[in-house]
Structure formats: structure tokens, C-alpha cells
């Protein structure tokens, strides 16, 4: 994706987001962020600084863009919460029971963890790349009270959005600097996930391997 300080030179997702915001104002920023929640490959780390940059050009005010982007975040999260609620705990257990290398006890431990730390998971999850969207699904599966889910999601999204919008506003045509540092954070999260998954798979395969001296 080619990105420069001049909005007329932007291409790809950045160009699409700017065009949406220039046509619809703050509402366009909200729509872009709602779609980002539903389709994580759309990067909020690009859209939000761009919204701040567009605000610095007088297209709309900072308060307006924060209102619309936070509303977009909440609506996208509620859609995924609804997906989790529609999936339901019983159906999820049937799916997990058919997966290789995964046990229902793994799901039980995950459910116990979410019961203890669900509030913190939803709030802080809104500030972690990739998990920003995914955390809404287990909240729906576990039927977290929707009022509490909405409040936690709003608070976490507002904080995350404000950091990136204000950075884009302050940097102006150098808004893309934010994308560079956010990209490093996303790569660290992906690396941590890959390490955790690899550790899990190696441990589970080792458990399935017959031990020496033990007849099958």
C-alpha cells in the first residue's frame, strides 16, 4: 500500500478511507472503523491516524471524529458479539469436540478464565491488534451482559481511538509515522500468538506420543 502525506496520492485502503471521510465526514470514519472491526485485515492503525489527519485539514472536528469512530467500533463489536451469541456454548463445544489435538478440557479452562477475567479481557482487548475484533466473539458465546459489554467496549475503544486520532491530528501530513510504530506492535502480537500456538501443538503432540516401555 502506497502512502504519502498528500491525500490525493494515497492508494489502497488509505485512499479508500480518505475518500470515504471526505465524502461523508465523520460518519465515513465511523463506517470505516465499523468495517475494520468486522474485517480485521482492514487496519485501524491506518484509518484512525488518517481520520486525525483529515480533521487537521478542517474536514470535521476532533470531537466529531472521536464520536463517530467510537460508535463504529462499538457497532462492529456488537455485531461480532451477536455472532458469538448465535453460535452458543453448546454448538461451540460440539465443534471443539471434533477438532484434532483440542480437548473439551481446553475449552473448559478457557471458559473459566473468561469468567474470572472477562471484564479486563474485553476492555484491554480493544487495545490489542487482532484481538480487538476477536474478543467480542467469546463475550457473546459466554453471554456477558450486553450492557456491561457495551460499556467496556466503548471505554476501551475510545481510549484506543483517541491515541491514534490525536497522533494523526498532531503529525498532520506525517501521519503515516504512526503506521510504522503500530506495525511493529502488530508484528509482536502475531509473533507471540505463533509462539503460543506452536508451544501448545508441540506439547499436545508429545502427550499423544507413546512412551517408551509402555505397551499400547
N, C-alpha and C. Protein backbone atom coordinates (compact mmCIF):
# COMPACT_ATOMS: atom_id res chain seq x y z
N UNK A 1 0.84 -1.19 0.00
CA UNK A 1 0.00 0.00 0.00
C UNK A 1 0.88 1.24 0.00
N UNK A 2 0.72 2.10 -0.96
CA UNK A 2 1.49 3.33 -1.04
C UNK A 2 0.80 4.41 -0.24
N UNK A 3 1.56 5.06 0.66
CA UNK A 3 1.00 6.13 1.47
C UNK A 3 1.95 7.31 1.49
N UNK A 4 1.40 8.50 1.31
CA UNK A 4 2.18 9.73 1.39
C UNK A 4 1.38 10.72 2.19
N UNK A 5 1.94 11.89 2.44
CA UNK A 5 1.24 12.88 3.22
C UNK A 5 0.08 13.51 2.49
N UNK A 6 0.12 13.55 1.18
CA UNK A 6 -0.93 14.19 0.40
C UNK A 6 -2.05 13.21 0.15
N UNK A 7 -3.29 13.57 0.55
CA UNK A 7 -4.41 12.63 0.42
C UNK A 7 -4.70 12.27 -1.03
N UNK A 8 -4.32 13.13 -1.96
CA UNK A 8 -4.59 12.83 -3.37
C UNK A 8 -3.67 11.74 -3.90
N UNK A 9 -2.56 11.46 -3.18
CA UNK A 9 -1.60 10.45 -3.62
C UNK A 9 -1.83 9.10 -2.94
N UNK A 10 -2.78 9.03 -2.03
CA UNK A 10 -2.99 7.80 -1.28
C UNK A 10 -3.69 6.75 -2.15
N UNK A 11 -3.29 5.51 -1.96
CA UNK A 11 -3.88 4.42 -2.72
C UNK A 11 -4.33 3.33 -1.75
N UNK A 12 -4.96 2.30 -2.28
CA UNK A 12 -5.35 1.16 -1.47
C UNK A 12 -6.33 1.54 -0.38
N UNK A 13 -6.18 0.90 0.79
CA UNK A 13 -7.08 1.12 1.91
C UNK A 13 -7.04 2.57 2.37
N UNK A 14 -5.84 3.16 2.41
CA UNK A 14 -5.73 4.54 2.86
C UNK A 14 -6.48 5.48 1.93
N UNK A 15 -6.33 5.29 0.64
CA UNK A 15 -7.05 6.14 -0.31
C UNK A 15 -8.54 5.98 -0.21
N UNK A 16 -8.99 4.72 -0.03
CA UNK A 16 -10.43 4.46 0.12
C UNK A 16 -10.97 5.13 1.37
N UNK A 17 -10.22 5.04 2.48
CA UNK A 17 -10.67 5.62 3.75
C UNK A 17 -10.77 7.14 3.66
N UNK A 18 -9.77 7.76 3.06
CA UNK A 18 -9.80 9.23 2.93
C UNK A 18 -10.97 9.67 2.05
N UNK A 19 -11.17 8.96 0.95
CA UNK A 19 -12.28 9.31 0.07
C UNK A 19 -13.62 9.19 0.80
N UNK A 20 -13.75 8.14 1.61
CA UNK A 20 -14.98 7.94 2.38
C UNK A 20 -15.19 9.08 3.37
N UNK A 21 -14.11 9.48 4.03
CA UNK A 21 -14.20 10.55 5.02
C UNK A 21 -14.45 11.91 4.36
N UNK A 22 -13.85 12.13 3.21
CA UNK A 22 -14.06 13.40 2.52
C UNK A 22 -15.48 13.52 1.99
N UNK A 23 -16.09 12.39 1.65
CA UNK A 23 -17.45 12.41 1.12
C UNK A 23 -18.51 12.47 2.23
N UNK A 24 -18.26 11.73 3.33
CA UNK A 24 -19.27 11.59 4.38
C UNK A 24 -18.89 12.27 5.69
N UNK A 25 -17.70 12.82 5.77
CA UNK A 25 -17.28 13.46 7.01
C UNK A 25 -16.99 12.44 8.09
N UNK A 26 -17.31 12.79 9.36
CA UNK A 26 -17.05 11.90 10.47
C UNK A 26 -17.77 10.58 10.34
N UNK A 27 -18.94 10.59 9.73
CA UNK A 27 -19.69 9.35 9.51
C UNK A 27 -18.86 8.36 8.69
N UNK A 28 -18.13 8.87 7.70
CA UNK A 28 -17.29 7.99 6.88
C UNK A 28 -16.21 7.32 7.71
N UNK A 29 -15.63 8.06 8.67
CA UNK A 29 -14.63 7.47 9.56
C UNK A 29 -15.26 6.38 10.41
N UNK A 30 -16.48 6.62 10.89
CA UNK A 30 -17.18 5.62 11.69
C UNK A 30 -17.48 4.36 10.90
N UNK A 31 -17.90 4.52 9.64
CA UNK A 31 -18.18 3.35 8.79
C UNK A 31 -16.90 2.55 8.56
N UNK A 32 -15.80 3.25 8.30
CA UNK A 32 -14.52 2.57 8.06
C UNK A 32 -14.10 1.75 9.27
N UNK A 33 -14.27 2.31 10.47
CA UNK A 33 -13.86 1.60 11.68
C UNK A 33 -14.82 0.45 11.99
N UNK A 34 -16.11 0.62 11.72
CA UNK A 34 -17.05 -0.49 11.91
C UNK A 34 -16.66 -1.66 11.01
N UNK A 35 -16.30 -1.38 9.78
CA UNK A 35 -15.88 -2.43 8.85
C UNK A 35 -14.56 -3.06 9.31
N UNK A 36 -13.68 -2.24 9.89
CA UNK A 36 -12.40 -2.76 10.40
C UNK A 36 -12.64 -3.78 11.50
N UNK A 37 -13.66 -3.54 12.34
CA UNK A 37 -13.98 -4.50 13.40
C UNK A 37 -14.47 -5.82 12.82
N UNK A 38 -15.22 -5.76 11.75
CA UNK A 38 -15.78 -6.96 11.15
C UNK A 38 -14.78 -7.68 10.27
N UNK A 39 -13.84 -6.93 9.69
CA UNK A 39 -12.83 -7.50 8.80
C UNK A 39 -11.45 -7.03 9.28
N UNK A 40 -10.85 -7.75 10.26
CA UNK A 40 -9.59 -7.32 10.87
C UNK A 40 -8.46 -6.97 9.90
N UNK A 41 -8.41 -7.57 8.67
CA UNK A 41 -7.35 -7.13 7.76
C UNK A 41 -7.38 -5.63 7.44
N UNK A 42 -8.56 -4.99 7.60
CA UNK A 42 -8.61 -3.53 7.46
C UNK A 42 -7.95 -2.94 8.70
N UNK A 43 -6.86 -2.19 8.57
CA UNK A 43 -6.09 -1.78 9.75
C UNK A 43 -6.59 -0.47 10.37
N UNK A 44 -7.02 -0.54 11.63
CA UNK A 44 -7.40 0.69 12.33
C UNK A 44 -6.18 1.58 12.52
N UNK A 45 -4.98 0.97 12.55
CA UNK A 45 -3.75 1.74 12.73
C UNK A 45 -3.47 2.66 11.54
N UNK A 46 -4.16 2.43 10.43
CA UNK A 46 -4.07 3.33 9.27
C UNK A 46 -5.27 4.27 9.25
N UNK A 47 -6.46 3.72 9.47
CA UNK A 47 -7.69 4.51 9.35
C UNK A 47 -7.76 5.62 10.39
N UNK A 48 -7.42 5.31 11.65
CA UNK A 48 -7.56 6.29 12.72
C UNK A 48 -6.60 7.48 12.58
N UNK A 49 -5.30 7.26 12.34
CA UNK A 49 -4.44 8.42 12.11
C UNK A 49 -4.87 9.24 10.89
N UNK A 50 -5.37 8.55 9.87
CA UNK A 50 -5.87 9.26 8.69
C UNK A 50 -7.07 10.13 9.06
N UNK A 51 -7.92 9.63 9.96
CA UNK A 51 -9.07 10.43 10.41
C UNK A 51 -8.58 11.67 11.14
N UNK A 52 -7.54 11.51 11.97
CA UNK A 52 -6.98 12.67 12.65
C UNK A 52 -6.35 13.65 11.67
N UNK A 53 -5.65 13.12 10.67
CA UNK A 53 -5.05 13.97 9.64
C UNK A 53 -6.13 14.72 8.87
N UNK A 54 -7.20 14.04 8.51
CA UNK A 54 -8.30 14.67 7.78
C UNK A 54 -8.96 15.75 8.63
N UNK A 55 -9.08 15.49 9.95
CA UNK A 55 -9.63 16.51 10.85
C UNK A 55 -8.73 17.73 10.90
N UNK A 56 -7.40 17.53 10.86
CA UNK A 56 -6.48 18.66 10.91
C UNK A 56 -6.60 19.56 9.69
N UNK A 57 -7.17 19.02 8.61
CA UNK A 57 -7.38 19.82 7.38
C UNK A 57 -8.73 20.53 7.41
N UNK A 58 -9.47 20.40 8.53
CA UNK A 58 -10.72 21.13 8.69
C UNK A 58 -11.93 20.45 8.12
N UNK A 59 -11.80 19.15 7.75
CA UNK A 59 -12.96 18.43 7.19
C UNK A 59 -14.04 18.22 8.25
N UNK A 60 -13.60 17.98 9.49
CA UNK A 60 -14.51 17.82 10.62
C UNK A 60 -13.70 18.03 11.89
N UNK A 61 -14.39 18.14 13.03
CA UNK A 61 -13.72 18.39 14.29
C UNK A 61 -13.24 17.12 14.97
N UNK A 62 -12.32 17.27 15.93
CA UNK A 62 -11.80 16.12 16.65
C UNK A 62 -12.89 15.41 17.44
N UNK A 63 -13.74 16.19 18.11
CA UNK A 63 -14.82 15.58 18.89
C UNK A 63 -15.73 14.76 18.00
N UNK A 64 -16.00 15.27 16.81
CA UNK A 64 -16.88 14.56 15.88
C UNK A 64 -16.26 13.25 15.43
N UNK A 65 -14.98 13.29 15.09
CA UNK A 65 -14.35 12.06 14.59
C UNK A 65 -14.23 11.03 15.71
N UNK A 66 -13.97 11.47 16.95
CA UNK A 66 -13.90 10.52 18.05
C UNK A 66 -15.26 9.90 18.33
N UNK A 67 -16.31 10.71 18.23
CA UNK A 67 -17.66 10.20 18.43
C UNK A 67 -17.99 9.12 17.40
N UNK A 68 -17.75 9.43 16.12
CA UNK A 68 -18.13 8.50 15.06
C UNK A 68 -17.26 7.25 15.05
N UNK A 69 -15.95 7.39 15.27
CA UNK A 69 -15.09 6.20 15.25
C UNK A 69 -15.39 5.29 16.43
N UNK A 70 -15.68 5.87 17.59
CA UNK A 70 -16.01 5.04 18.75
C UNK A 70 -17.35 4.35 18.53
N UNK A 71 -18.32 5.07 17.96
CA UNK A 71 -19.61 4.45 17.65
C UNK A 71 -19.42 3.31 16.65
N UNK A 72 -18.58 3.52 15.64
CA UNK A 72 -18.30 2.47 14.67
C UNK A 72 -17.66 1.25 15.32
N UNK A 73 -16.73 1.50 16.26
CA UNK A 73 -16.09 0.39 16.98
C UNK A 73 -17.11 -0.42 17.76
N UNK A 74 -18.00 0.27 18.45
CA UNK A 74 -18.99 -0.40 19.29
C UNK A 74 -19.98 -1.20 18.43
N UNK A 75 -20.45 -0.61 17.34
CA UNK A 75 -21.40 -1.31 16.47
C UNK A 75 -20.76 -2.56 15.85
N UNK A 76 -19.51 -2.44 15.41
CA UNK A 76 -18.81 -3.61 14.87
C UNK A 76 -18.63 -4.69 15.91
N UNK A 77 -18.28 -4.28 17.15
CA UNK A 77 -18.10 -5.24 18.23
C UNK A 77 -19.42 -5.92 18.59
N UNK A 78 -20.51 -5.16 18.59
CA UNK A 78 -21.81 -5.74 18.91
C UNK A 78 -22.24 -6.77 17.86
N UNK A 79 -21.88 -6.52 16.60
CA UNK A 79 -22.20 -7.48 15.55
C UNK A 79 -21.48 -8.81 15.81
N UNK A 80 -20.21 -8.74 16.21
CA UNK A 80 -19.46 -9.96 16.50
C UNK A 80 -19.93 -10.61 17.80
N UNK A 81 -20.34 -9.80 18.75
CA UNK A 81 -20.94 -10.33 19.98
C UNK A 81 -22.19 -11.15 19.61
N UNK A 82 -23.00 -10.59 18.72
CA UNK A 82 -24.19 -11.31 18.26
C UNK A 82 -23.84 -12.61 17.56
N UNK A 83 -22.75 -12.62 16.81
CA UNK A 83 -22.30 -13.85 16.16
C UNK A 83 -21.94 -14.91 17.19
N UNK A 84 -21.22 -14.49 18.24
CA UNK A 84 -20.86 -15.42 19.30
C UNK A 84 -22.08 -15.94 20.04
N UNK A 85 -23.04 -15.03 20.29
CA UNK A 85 -24.26 -15.45 20.98
C UNK A 85 -25.07 -16.42 20.13
N UNK A 86 -25.10 -16.18 18.82
CA UNK A 86 -25.82 -17.09 17.92
C UNK A 86 -25.14 -18.46 17.85
N UNK A 87 -23.81 -18.47 17.89
CA UNK A 87 -23.07 -19.73 17.90
C UNK A 87 -23.41 -20.53 19.15
N UNK A 88 -23.33 -19.88 20.30
CA UNK A 88 -23.73 -20.52 21.55
C UNK A 88 -22.70 -21.49 22.10
N UNK A 89 -22.79 -21.72 23.40
CA UNK A 89 -21.82 -22.57 24.10
C UNK A 89 -21.94 -24.02 23.66
N UNK A 90 -23.16 -24.54 23.55
CA UNK A 90 -23.32 -25.96 23.20
C UNK A 90 -22.81 -26.25 21.80
N UNK A 91 -23.11 -25.39 20.85
CA UNK A 91 -22.63 -25.60 19.48
C UNK A 91 -21.11 -25.49 19.42
N UNK A 92 -20.55 -24.54 20.18
CA UNK A 92 -19.10 -24.40 20.21
C UNK A 92 -18.45 -25.65 20.77
N UNK A 93 -19.03 -26.24 21.80
CA UNK A 93 -18.47 -27.46 22.38
C UNK A 93 -18.52 -28.61 21.38
N UNK A 94 -19.57 -28.70 20.60
CA UNK A 94 -19.65 -29.75 19.58
C UNK A 94 -18.56 -29.56 18.52
N UNK A 95 -18.31 -28.32 18.15
CA UNK A 95 -17.26 -28.04 17.16
C UNK A 95 -15.89 -28.39 17.72
N UNK A 96 -15.62 -27.95 18.95
CA UNK A 96 -14.31 -28.21 19.57
C UNK A 96 -14.08 -29.71 19.74
N UNK A 97 -15.14 -30.44 20.05
CA UNK A 97 -15.01 -31.89 20.28
C UNK A 97 -14.56 -32.62 19.02
N UNK A 98 -14.77 -32.01 17.86
CA UNK A 98 -14.38 -32.66 16.60
C UNK A 98 -13.00 -32.21 16.12
N UNK A 99 -12.40 -31.26 16.78
CA UNK A 99 -11.12 -30.73 16.32
C UNK A 99 -9.97 -31.62 16.78
N UNK A 100 -9.00 -31.88 15.90
CA UNK A 100 -7.84 -32.66 16.31
C UNK A 100 -6.96 -31.87 17.27
N UNK A 101 -6.37 -32.57 18.22
CA UNK A 101 -5.42 -32.01 19.19
C UNK A 101 -6.04 -31.04 20.19
N UNK A 102 -7.34 -30.82 20.11
CA UNK A 102 -8.00 -29.92 21.05
C UNK A 102 -8.98 -30.72 21.89
N UNK A 103 -8.98 -30.47 23.19
CA UNK A 103 -9.84 -31.21 24.10
C UNK A 103 -10.91 -30.28 24.68
N UNK A 104 -12.00 -30.87 25.09
CA UNK A 104 -13.04 -30.08 25.74
C UNK A 104 -12.53 -29.47 27.03
N UNK A 105 -11.55 -30.10 27.67
CA UNK A 105 -10.97 -29.53 28.89
C UNK A 105 -10.26 -28.21 28.59
N UNK A 106 -9.71 -28.08 27.37
CA UNK A 106 -9.10 -26.80 26.97
C UNK A 106 -10.16 -25.71 26.94
N UNK A 107 -11.32 -26.04 26.38
CA UNK A 107 -12.41 -25.08 26.33
C UNK A 107 -12.92 -24.76 27.73
N UNK A 108 -12.98 -25.77 28.59
CA UNK A 108 -13.43 -25.54 29.96
C UNK A 108 -12.50 -24.55 30.67
N UNK A 109 -11.21 -24.73 30.49
CA UNK A 109 -10.25 -23.82 31.13
C UNK A 109 -10.40 -22.41 30.57
N UNK A 110 -10.63 -22.31 29.26
CA UNK A 110 -10.82 -21.00 28.64
C UNK A 110 -12.07 -20.32 29.19
N UNK A 111 -13.14 -21.10 29.33
CA UNK A 111 -14.38 -20.54 29.88
C UNK A 111 -14.19 -20.08 31.32
N UNK A 112 -13.46 -20.88 32.11
CA UNK A 112 -13.19 -20.50 33.50
C UNK A 112 -12.38 -19.21 33.55
N UNK A 113 -11.38 -19.11 32.66
CA UNK A 113 -10.55 -17.90 32.62
C UNK A 113 -11.39 -16.68 32.25
N UNK A 114 -12.27 -16.85 31.26
CA UNK A 114 -13.09 -15.72 30.83
C UNK A 114 -14.07 -15.31 31.94
N UNK A 115 -14.56 -16.29 32.70
CA UNK A 115 -15.47 -15.98 33.80
C UNK A 115 -14.77 -15.13 34.85
N UNK A 116 -13.46 -15.35 35.04
CA UNK A 116 -12.71 -14.59 36.05
C UNK A 116 -12.21 -13.26 35.53
N UNK A 117 -11.84 -13.22 34.25
CA UNK A 117 -11.15 -12.04 33.72
C UNK A 117 -11.85 -11.41 32.52
N UNK A 118 -13.13 -11.74 32.31
CA UNK A 118 -13.83 -11.28 31.11
C UNK A 118 -13.87 -9.77 30.98
N UNK A 119 -14.11 -9.05 32.09
CA UNK A 119 -14.18 -7.59 32.02
C UNK A 119 -12.87 -6.99 31.53
N UNK A 120 -11.77 -7.45 32.13
CA UNK A 120 -10.46 -6.94 31.72
C UNK A 120 -10.13 -7.36 30.30
N UNK A 121 -10.53 -8.57 29.93
CA UNK A 121 -10.24 -9.06 28.57
C UNK A 121 -10.93 -8.20 27.53
N UNK A 122 -12.20 -7.85 27.77
CA UNK A 122 -12.94 -7.03 26.81
C UNK A 122 -12.36 -5.61 26.74
N UNK A 123 -12.09 -5.02 27.91
CA UNK A 123 -11.57 -3.64 27.95
C UNK A 123 -10.20 -3.54 27.30
N UNK A 124 -9.24 -4.33 27.79
CA UNK A 124 -7.87 -4.23 27.27
C UNK A 124 -7.75 -4.89 25.89
N UNK A 125 -8.64 -5.85 25.60
CA UNK A 125 -8.61 -6.47 24.28
C UNK A 125 -8.87 -5.49 23.17
N UNK A 126 -9.61 -4.41 23.46
CA UNK A 126 -9.88 -3.39 22.45
C UNK A 126 -8.63 -2.63 22.05
N UNK A 127 -7.53 -2.81 22.78
CA UNK A 127 -6.30 -2.08 22.50
C UNK A 127 -5.19 -2.99 21.98
N UNK A 128 -5.55 -4.22 21.62
CA UNK A 128 -4.55 -5.17 21.12
C UNK A 128 -4.89 -5.54 19.68
N UNK A 129 -3.98 -5.28 18.75
CA UNK A 129 -4.25 -5.64 17.35
C UNK A 129 -4.67 -7.10 17.24
N UNK A 130 -5.53 -7.38 16.29
CA UNK A 130 -6.09 -8.71 16.00
C UNK A 130 -7.16 -9.07 17.04
N UNK A 131 -6.81 -9.03 18.33
CA UNK A 131 -7.77 -9.38 19.38
C UNK A 131 -8.87 -8.33 19.54
N UNK A 132 -8.66 -7.14 18.99
CA UNK A 132 -9.67 -6.08 19.08
C UNK A 132 -11.03 -6.58 18.60
N UNK A 133 -11.01 -7.33 17.53
CA UNK A 133 -12.26 -7.86 16.98
C UNK A 133 -12.63 -9.19 17.62
N UNK A 134 -11.65 -10.07 17.77
CA UNK A 134 -11.92 -11.44 18.19
C UNK A 134 -12.50 -11.54 19.59
N UNK A 135 -12.14 -10.61 20.48
CA UNK A 135 -12.57 -10.71 21.88
C UNK A 135 -14.09 -10.62 22.00
N UNK A 136 -14.75 -10.02 21.03
CA UNK A 136 -16.21 -9.87 21.10
C UNK A 136 -16.92 -11.21 20.94
N UNK A 137 -16.33 -12.15 20.24
CA UNK A 137 -16.99 -13.43 19.98
C UNK A 137 -17.12 -14.27 21.25
N UNK A 138 -16.04 -14.50 22.03
CA UNK A 138 -16.23 -15.26 23.27
C UNK A 138 -17.13 -14.53 24.27
N UNK A 139 -17.13 -13.20 24.23
CA UNK A 139 -18.05 -12.46 25.11
C UNK A 139 -19.50 -12.80 24.76
N UNK A 140 -19.78 -12.95 23.47
CA UNK A 140 -21.11 -13.34 23.04
C UNK A 140 -21.43 -14.78 23.38
N UNK A 141 -20.45 -15.67 23.17
CA UNK A 141 -20.65 -17.09 23.49
C UNK A 141 -20.98 -17.25 24.97
N UNK A 142 -20.24 -16.54 25.82
CA UNK A 142 -20.44 -16.64 27.27
C UNK A 142 -21.60 -15.78 27.76
N UNK A 143 -22.26 -15.08 26.84
CA UNK A 143 -23.41 -14.24 27.17
C UNK A 143 -23.09 -13.23 28.28
N UNK A 144 -21.94 -12.57 28.14
CA UNK A 144 -21.66 -11.46 29.05
C UNK A 144 -22.81 -10.47 28.95
N UNK A 145 -23.30 -9.93 30.06
CA UNK A 145 -24.41 -8.96 29.98
C UNK A 145 -24.10 -7.87 28.96
N UNK A 146 -25.02 -7.66 28.04
CA UNK A 146 -24.73 -6.80 26.90
C UNK A 146 -24.48 -5.35 27.33
N UNK A 147 -25.12 -4.92 28.41
CA UNK A 147 -24.86 -3.57 28.90
C UNK A 147 -23.42 -3.41 29.36
N UNK A 148 -22.93 -4.39 30.14
CA UNK A 148 -21.55 -4.34 30.60
C UNK A 148 -20.58 -4.44 29.43
N UNK A 149 -20.89 -5.33 28.48
CA UNK A 149 -20.04 -5.47 27.30
C UNK A 149 -19.95 -4.15 26.54
N UNK A 150 -21.08 -3.47 26.38
CA UNK A 150 -21.10 -2.22 25.62
C UNK A 150 -20.30 -1.14 26.32
N UNK A 151 -20.43 -1.04 27.64
CA UNK A 151 -19.69 -0.02 28.40
C UNK A 151 -18.19 -0.27 28.32
N UNK A 152 -17.77 -1.52 28.52
CA UNK A 152 -16.34 -1.85 28.47
C UNK A 152 -15.77 -1.64 27.07
N UNK A 153 -16.54 -2.03 26.06
CA UNK A 153 -16.10 -1.86 24.68
C UNK A 153 -16.00 -0.38 24.32
N UNK A 154 -16.96 0.41 24.77
CA UNK A 154 -16.93 1.85 24.49
C UNK A 154 -15.71 2.50 25.14
N UNK A 155 -15.45 2.15 26.40
CA UNK A 155 -14.32 2.75 27.11
C UNK A 155 -12.99 2.37 26.47
N UNK A 156 -12.81 1.08 26.19
CA UNK A 156 -11.56 0.63 25.57
C UNK A 156 -11.37 1.19 24.18
N UNK A 157 -12.46 1.24 23.40
CA UNK A 157 -12.37 1.75 22.02
C UNK A 157 -12.08 3.25 22.01
N UNK A 158 -12.71 3.99 22.92
CA UNK A 158 -12.49 5.43 22.98
C UNK A 158 -11.03 5.74 23.28
N UNK A 159 -10.45 5.00 24.22
CA UNK A 159 -9.04 5.22 24.57
C UNK A 159 -8.12 4.91 23.40
N UNK A 160 -8.33 3.75 22.77
CA UNK A 160 -7.51 3.33 21.63
C UNK A 160 -7.67 4.32 20.46
N UNK A 161 -8.90 4.66 20.15
CA UNK A 161 -9.15 5.56 19.03
C UNK A 161 -8.53 6.93 19.28
N UNK A 162 -8.66 7.44 20.51
CA UNK A 162 -8.17 8.78 20.82
C UNK A 162 -6.66 8.87 20.61
N UNK A 163 -5.92 7.83 21.03
CA UNK A 163 -4.46 7.85 20.88
C UNK A 163 -4.08 8.01 19.41
N UNK A 164 -4.70 7.24 18.54
CA UNK A 164 -4.33 7.26 17.13
C UNK A 164 -4.88 8.47 16.39
N UNK A 165 -6.09 8.90 16.76
CA UNK A 165 -6.66 10.09 16.11
C UNK A 165 -5.86 11.33 16.48
N UNK A 166 -5.53 11.48 17.76
CA UNK A 166 -4.76 12.64 18.20
C UNK A 166 -3.36 12.63 17.59
N UNK A 167 -2.78 11.42 17.46
CA UNK A 167 -1.45 11.33 16.84
C UNK A 167 -1.51 11.78 15.38
N UNK A 168 -2.52 11.31 14.65
CA UNK A 168 -2.67 11.73 13.25
C UNK A 168 -2.92 13.22 13.13
N UNK A 169 -3.71 13.77 14.05
CA UNK A 169 -4.00 15.21 14.04
C UNK A 169 -2.74 16.02 14.29
N UNK A 170 -1.93 15.59 15.28
CA UNK A 170 -0.72 16.33 15.64
C UNK A 170 0.36 16.22 14.56
N UNK A 171 0.46 15.05 13.95
CA UNK A 171 1.51 14.83 12.94
C UNK A 171 1.15 15.42 11.58
N UNK A 172 -0.13 15.63 11.33
CA UNK A 172 -0.55 16.21 10.06
C UNK A 172 -0.15 15.33 8.89
N UNK A 173 0.57 15.89 7.93
CA UNK A 173 0.93 15.13 6.72
C UNK A 173 1.96 14.04 7.00
N UNK A 174 2.51 14.02 8.21
CA UNK A 174 3.41 12.92 8.60
C UNK A 174 2.67 11.84 9.38
N UNK A 175 1.35 11.76 9.20
CA UNK A 175 0.51 10.80 9.94
C UNK A 175 0.99 9.36 9.79
N UNK A 176 1.60 9.05 8.63
CA UNK A 176 1.98 7.67 8.35
C UNK A 176 3.08 7.16 9.28
N UNK A 177 3.75 8.07 10.04
CA UNK A 177 4.74 7.64 11.03
C UNK A 177 4.08 6.72 12.06
N UNK A 178 2.82 7.02 12.40
CA UNK A 178 2.08 6.20 13.37
C UNK A 178 1.96 4.77 12.87
N UNK A 179 1.69 4.63 11.57
CA UNK A 179 1.52 3.29 10.99
C UNK A 179 2.76 2.44 11.18
N UNK A 180 3.94 3.07 11.08
CA UNK A 180 5.19 2.33 11.22
C UNK A 180 5.31 1.71 12.60
N UNK A 181 5.08 2.51 13.64
CA UNK A 181 5.20 2.00 15.01
C UNK A 181 4.08 1.03 15.35
N UNK A 182 2.88 1.28 14.85
CA UNK A 182 1.77 0.36 15.09
C UNK A 182 2.03 -0.98 14.41
N UNK A 183 2.68 -0.93 13.25
CA UNK A 183 3.01 -2.16 12.55
C UNK A 183 3.96 -3.04 13.36
N UNK A 184 4.89 -2.41 14.07
CA UNK A 184 5.81 -3.16 14.93
C UNK A 184 5.03 -3.86 16.04
N UNK A 185 4.08 -3.13 16.66
CA UNK A 185 3.25 -3.73 17.71
C UNK A 185 2.47 -4.92 17.18
N UNK A 186 1.89 -4.78 15.98
CA UNK A 186 1.11 -5.87 15.41
C UNK A 186 1.98 -7.09 15.13
N UNK A 187 3.20 -6.87 14.65
CA UNK A 187 4.10 -7.99 14.39
C UNK A 187 4.48 -8.70 15.68
N UNK A 188 4.67 -7.93 16.76
CA UNK A 188 4.99 -8.54 18.05
C UNK A 188 3.83 -9.41 18.55
N UNK A 189 2.60 -8.91 18.36
CA UNK A 189 1.43 -9.69 18.78
C UNK A 189 1.33 -10.97 17.96
N UNK A 190 1.52 -10.87 16.65
CA UNK A 190 1.45 -12.06 15.79
C UNK A 190 2.53 -13.06 16.19
N UNK A 191 3.74 -12.57 16.47
CA UNK A 191 4.83 -13.46 16.87
C UNK A 191 4.49 -14.16 18.18
N UNK A 192 3.92 -13.43 19.14
CA UNK A 192 3.55 -14.03 20.42
C UNK A 192 2.48 -15.11 20.24
N UNK A 193 1.52 -14.84 19.37
CA UNK A 193 0.47 -15.82 19.09
C UNK A 193 1.07 -17.08 18.45
N UNK A 194 1.96 -16.90 17.50
CA UNK A 194 2.58 -18.05 16.83
C UNK A 194 3.39 -18.89 17.81
N UNK A 195 4.12 -18.23 18.71
CA UNK A 195 4.90 -18.96 19.71
C UNK A 195 3.97 -19.75 20.63
N UNK A 196 2.86 -19.12 21.07
CA UNK A 196 1.92 -19.79 21.96
C UNK A 196 1.27 -20.99 21.27
N UNK A 197 0.87 -20.82 20.01
CA UNK A 197 0.25 -21.91 19.27
C UNK A 197 1.24 -23.05 19.06
N UNK A 198 2.47 -22.71 18.70
CA UNK A 198 3.50 -23.74 18.50
C UNK A 198 3.77 -24.51 19.79
N UNK A 199 3.85 -23.78 20.89
CA UNK A 199 4.08 -24.42 22.19
C UNK A 199 2.93 -25.38 22.53
N UNK A 200 1.71 -24.95 22.26
CA UNK A 200 0.54 -25.79 22.53
C UNK A 200 0.57 -27.05 21.68
N UNK A 201 0.84 -26.90 20.37
CA UNK A 201 0.82 -28.05 19.46
C UNK A 201 1.94 -29.04 19.79
N UNK A 202 3.14 -28.52 20.10
CA UNK A 202 4.25 -29.41 20.44
C UNK A 202 3.92 -30.20 21.71
N UNK A 203 3.38 -29.52 22.71
CA UNK A 203 3.02 -30.19 23.94
C UNK A 203 1.95 -31.24 23.74
N UNK A 204 0.94 -30.91 22.93
CA UNK A 204 -0.15 -31.85 22.71
C UNK A 204 0.33 -33.06 21.90
N UNK A 205 1.18 -32.86 20.90
CA UNK A 205 1.72 -33.99 20.12
C UNK A 205 2.62 -34.85 20.98
N UNK A 206 3.35 -34.23 21.89
CA UNK A 206 4.22 -35.00 22.78
C UNK A 206 3.38 -35.86 23.72
N UNK A 207 2.24 -35.32 24.15
CA UNK A 207 1.36 -36.11 25.04
C UNK A 207 0.79 -37.32 24.31
N UNK A 208 0.56 -37.18 23.01
CA UNK A 208 -0.04 -38.28 22.24
C UNK A 208 0.98 -39.34 21.85
N UNK A 209 2.28 -39.02 21.92
CA UNK A 209 3.30 -39.98 21.52
C UNK A 209 3.42 -41.07 22.58
N UNK A 210 3.43 -42.34 22.16
CA UNK A 210 3.55 -43.43 23.17
C UNK A 210 4.89 -43.37 23.86
N UNK A 211 4.86 -43.57 25.18
CA UNK A 211 6.08 -43.52 25.96
C UNK A 211 6.82 -44.84 25.88
N UNK A 212 8.14 -44.74 25.97
CA UNK A 212 8.98 -45.94 25.91
C UNK A 212 8.64 -46.87 27.07
N UNK A 213 8.52 -48.16 26.78
CA UNK A 213 8.27 -49.14 27.83
C UNK A 213 6.80 -49.31 28.18
N UNK A 214 5.95 -48.52 27.52
CA UNK A 214 4.53 -48.61 27.79
C UNK A 214 3.85 -49.26 26.59
N UNK A 215 3.21 -50.40 26.82
CA UNK A 215 2.56 -51.09 25.72
C UNK A 215 1.22 -50.42 25.43
N UNK A 216 0.90 -50.33 24.17
CA UNK A 216 -0.36 -49.72 23.75
C UNK A 216 -1.44 -50.78 23.74
